[in-house]
Protein backbone atom coordinates (compact mmCIF):
# COMPACT_ATOMS: atom_id res chain seq x y z
CA MET A 1 129.70 125.88 -101.95
CA LYS A 2 128.40 128.03 -104.66
CA ASP A 3 124.47 129.10 -104.43
CA GLY A 4 122.62 126.58 -106.44
CA ALA A 5 125.18 123.92 -106.73
CA PRO A 6 124.07 120.30 -105.76
CA THR A 7 125.68 118.57 -102.80
CA ILE A 8 126.82 115.35 -104.52
CA SER A 9 127.50 112.14 -102.31
CA THR A 10 127.79 108.92 -104.17
CA ASP A 11 129.65 105.66 -103.54
CA GLY A 12 132.18 105.01 -106.18
CA THR A 13 133.70 101.89 -104.47
CA GLY A 14 135.36 99.79 -106.95
CA LEU A 15 135.41 102.37 -109.84
CA ARG A 16 138.40 103.12 -112.03
CA VAL A 17 138.93 106.73 -112.79
CA ALA A 18 141.44 108.71 -114.83
CA VAL A 19 142.10 112.38 -114.14
CA VAL A 20 143.20 114.00 -117.37
CA ALA A 21 145.00 117.36 -116.37
CA ALA A 22 146.50 120.04 -118.30
CA SER A 23 149.84 121.58 -117.42
CA TRP A 24 149.41 125.32 -117.94
CA HIS A 25 148.98 127.49 -114.91
CA ASP A 26 150.70 125.49 -112.27
CA VAL A 27 149.06 126.97 -109.17
CA VAL A 28 145.58 126.65 -110.62
CA MET A 29 146.08 123.22 -111.95
CA ASP A 30 147.48 121.88 -108.71
CA GLY A 31 144.31 123.28 -106.70
CA LEU A 32 141.97 121.56 -109.57
CA LEU A 33 143.96 118.35 -109.31
CA ASP A 34 144.07 118.24 -105.44
CA GLY A 35 140.34 118.90 -105.53
CA ALA A 36 139.59 116.08 -107.92
CA ARG A 37 141.68 113.64 -105.52
CA ARG A 38 139.71 114.74 -102.64
CA GLY A 39 136.39 114.44 -104.69
CA LEU A 40 137.33 110.57 -105.86
CA ALA A 41 138.42 110.05 -102.22
CA ASP A 42 135.24 111.06 -100.84
CA ALA A 43 133.50 108.86 -102.91
CA GLY A 44 135.49 105.91 -102.04
CA VAL A 45 137.37 105.56 -105.38
CA THR A 46 140.80 104.37 -104.75
CA HIS A 47 141.75 103.35 -108.36
CA VAL A 48 142.72 106.66 -109.73
CA ASP A 49 145.42 107.34 -112.49
CA VAL A 50 146.62 110.85 -113.28
CA VAL A 51 147.64 111.72 -116.74
CA ARG A 52 149.10 115.12 -117.67
CA VAL A 53 149.01 116.68 -121.00
CA PRO A 54 150.40 120.01 -122.20
CA GLY A 55 147.43 122.28 -122.32
CA THR A 56 143.55 122.28 -122.46
CA PHE A 57 143.63 121.97 -126.12
CA GLU A 58 144.94 118.38 -125.65
CA LEU A 59 142.28 117.12 -123.17
CA PRO A 60 139.90 115.79 -125.67
CA VAL A 61 142.51 113.44 -127.61
CA ALA A 62 143.68 112.21 -124.26
CA CYS A 63 140.20 111.56 -123.08
CA ALA A 64 139.35 109.71 -126.21
CA THR A 65 142.45 107.47 -125.83
CA LEU A 66 141.40 106.56 -122.19
CA ALA A 67 137.62 106.33 -122.38
CA ASP A 68 137.28 102.67 -122.83
CA ARG A 69 139.91 101.86 -120.09
CA TYR A 70 138.07 103.53 -117.22
CA ASP A 71 134.58 103.79 -115.68
CA ALA A 72 134.96 107.64 -115.81
CA LEU A 73 137.12 110.35 -116.48
CA VAL A 74 137.74 113.76 -115.11
CA ALA A 75 139.20 116.61 -117.42
CA LEU A 76 140.83 119.39 -115.79
CA GLY A 77 142.21 122.57 -117.48
CA VAL A 78 142.23 126.17 -117.15
CA VAL A 79 142.11 128.86 -120.07
CA ILE A 80 142.43 132.63 -119.26
CA ARG A 81 141.16 135.32 -121.79
CA GLY A 82 143.89 137.24 -123.38
CA GLY A 83 144.05 139.74 -126.27
CA THR A 84 143.34 137.40 -129.09
CA PRO A 85 140.79 134.94 -130.18
CA HIS A 86 142.82 132.09 -128.99
CA PHE A 87 140.56 131.88 -125.91
CA ASP A 88 137.55 131.32 -127.85
CA TYR A 89 139.10 128.62 -130.08
CA VAL A 90 140.61 126.61 -127.12
CA CYS A 91 137.62 126.94 -125.06
CA GLN A 92 135.28 125.81 -127.84
CA ALA A 93 137.52 122.88 -128.83
CA ALA A 94 137.90 121.62 -125.43
CA THR A 95 134.10 121.80 -124.78
CA VAL A 96 132.99 120.25 -127.94
CA GLY A 97 135.96 117.68 -127.94
CA ILE A 98 135.23 116.40 -124.41
CA THR A 99 131.35 116.40 -124.92
CA ASP A 100 131.96 114.39 -128.17
CA VAL A 101 134.15 111.80 -126.43
CA SER A 102 131.55 111.40 -123.65
CA VAL A 103 128.66 110.82 -125.77
CA ARG A 104 130.32 108.71 -128.49
CA THR A 105 132.06 106.48 -125.83
CA GLY A 106 129.47 106.62 -123.27
CA THR A 107 132.12 107.09 -120.55
CA PRO A 108 131.12 109.88 -118.14
CA ILE A 109 133.63 112.72 -118.08
CA GLY A 110 133.65 115.30 -115.26
CA PHE A 111 134.13 118.74 -116.82
CA GLY A 112 136.61 120.71 -114.85
CA VAL A 113 137.77 123.14 -117.34
CA LEU A 114 137.91 126.68 -116.07
CA THR A 115 137.26 129.36 -118.72
CA CYS A 116 138.05 132.80 -117.04
CA ASP A 117 138.55 136.32 -117.76
CA ASP A 118 141.46 136.70 -115.43
CA GLU A 119 143.85 134.87 -113.24
CA ALA A 120 141.89 136.01 -110.10
CA GLN A 121 138.57 134.29 -111.23
CA ALA A 122 140.56 130.99 -112.03
CA LEU A 123 142.22 131.13 -108.51
CA ASP A 124 138.85 131.82 -106.87
CA ARG A 125 137.54 128.49 -108.60
CA ALA A 126 140.52 126.11 -108.11
CA GLY A 127 139.71 124.89 -104.51
CA LEU A 128 142.86 126.47 -102.96
CA PRO A 129 142.74 127.85 -99.35
CA GLY A 130 140.53 130.90 -99.66
CA SER A 131 139.02 129.96 -103.00
CA ALA A 132 135.22 130.30 -103.16
CA GLU A 133 134.69 127.11 -105.22
CA ASP A 134 136.30 123.67 -105.79
CA LYS A 135 135.69 122.94 -109.35
CA GLY A 136 138.03 119.88 -109.36
CA HIS A 137 136.19 118.30 -106.60
CA GLU A 138 132.99 119.05 -108.38
CA ALA A 139 133.90 117.61 -111.65
CA ALA A 140 135.14 114.46 -109.96
CA SER A 141 132.02 114.25 -107.90
CA ALA A 142 129.91 114.71 -110.99
CA ALA A 143 131.71 112.19 -112.90
CA VAL A 144 131.37 109.44 -110.15
CA ALA A 145 127.72 110.19 -109.62
CA THR A 146 126.97 109.91 -113.37
CA VAL A 147 128.46 106.46 -113.45
CA VAL A 148 126.64 105.46 -110.56
CA ALA A 149 123.32 106.76 -112.03
CA LEU A 150 123.89 104.94 -115.36
CA HIS A 151 124.68 101.78 -113.72
CA GLY A 152 121.43 102.00 -111.79
CA VAL A 153 119.63 102.52 -114.83
CA ALA A 154 121.50 99.72 -116.73
CA THR A 155 120.67 97.17 -114.07
CA THR A 156 116.78 97.95 -113.82
């Protein structure tokens, strides 16, 4: 666990969650997806659908389409800095788009989009053996915890 990161343990039994995952960078994405699945299983979520999209840029539209069908979503992607401004455009579009979908629909979305300077940083956050962090697990746990927290407020 990264210093300062909360330990989230929430009961998500009965929740329906979709994981929306980009397809670029197979090794990193496989790690993120496995981590999200572990996080959802740890929370007791058994209804999990996985939707794969081409890249991180496509995450917002997929989330917008799915938001009203699920209790929560988990958005997973990775963008690695290159020699052009493409990195900045894709990172901003994904962040703003996913945030907009979540706020507009009221559906919590765990943000598991890695924005890294190089592949080594991405691998270190992907939840693979030897990785320092498991951002897929963290994003899934955050999505479930947010649903549970909001349900608690709505019923009081």
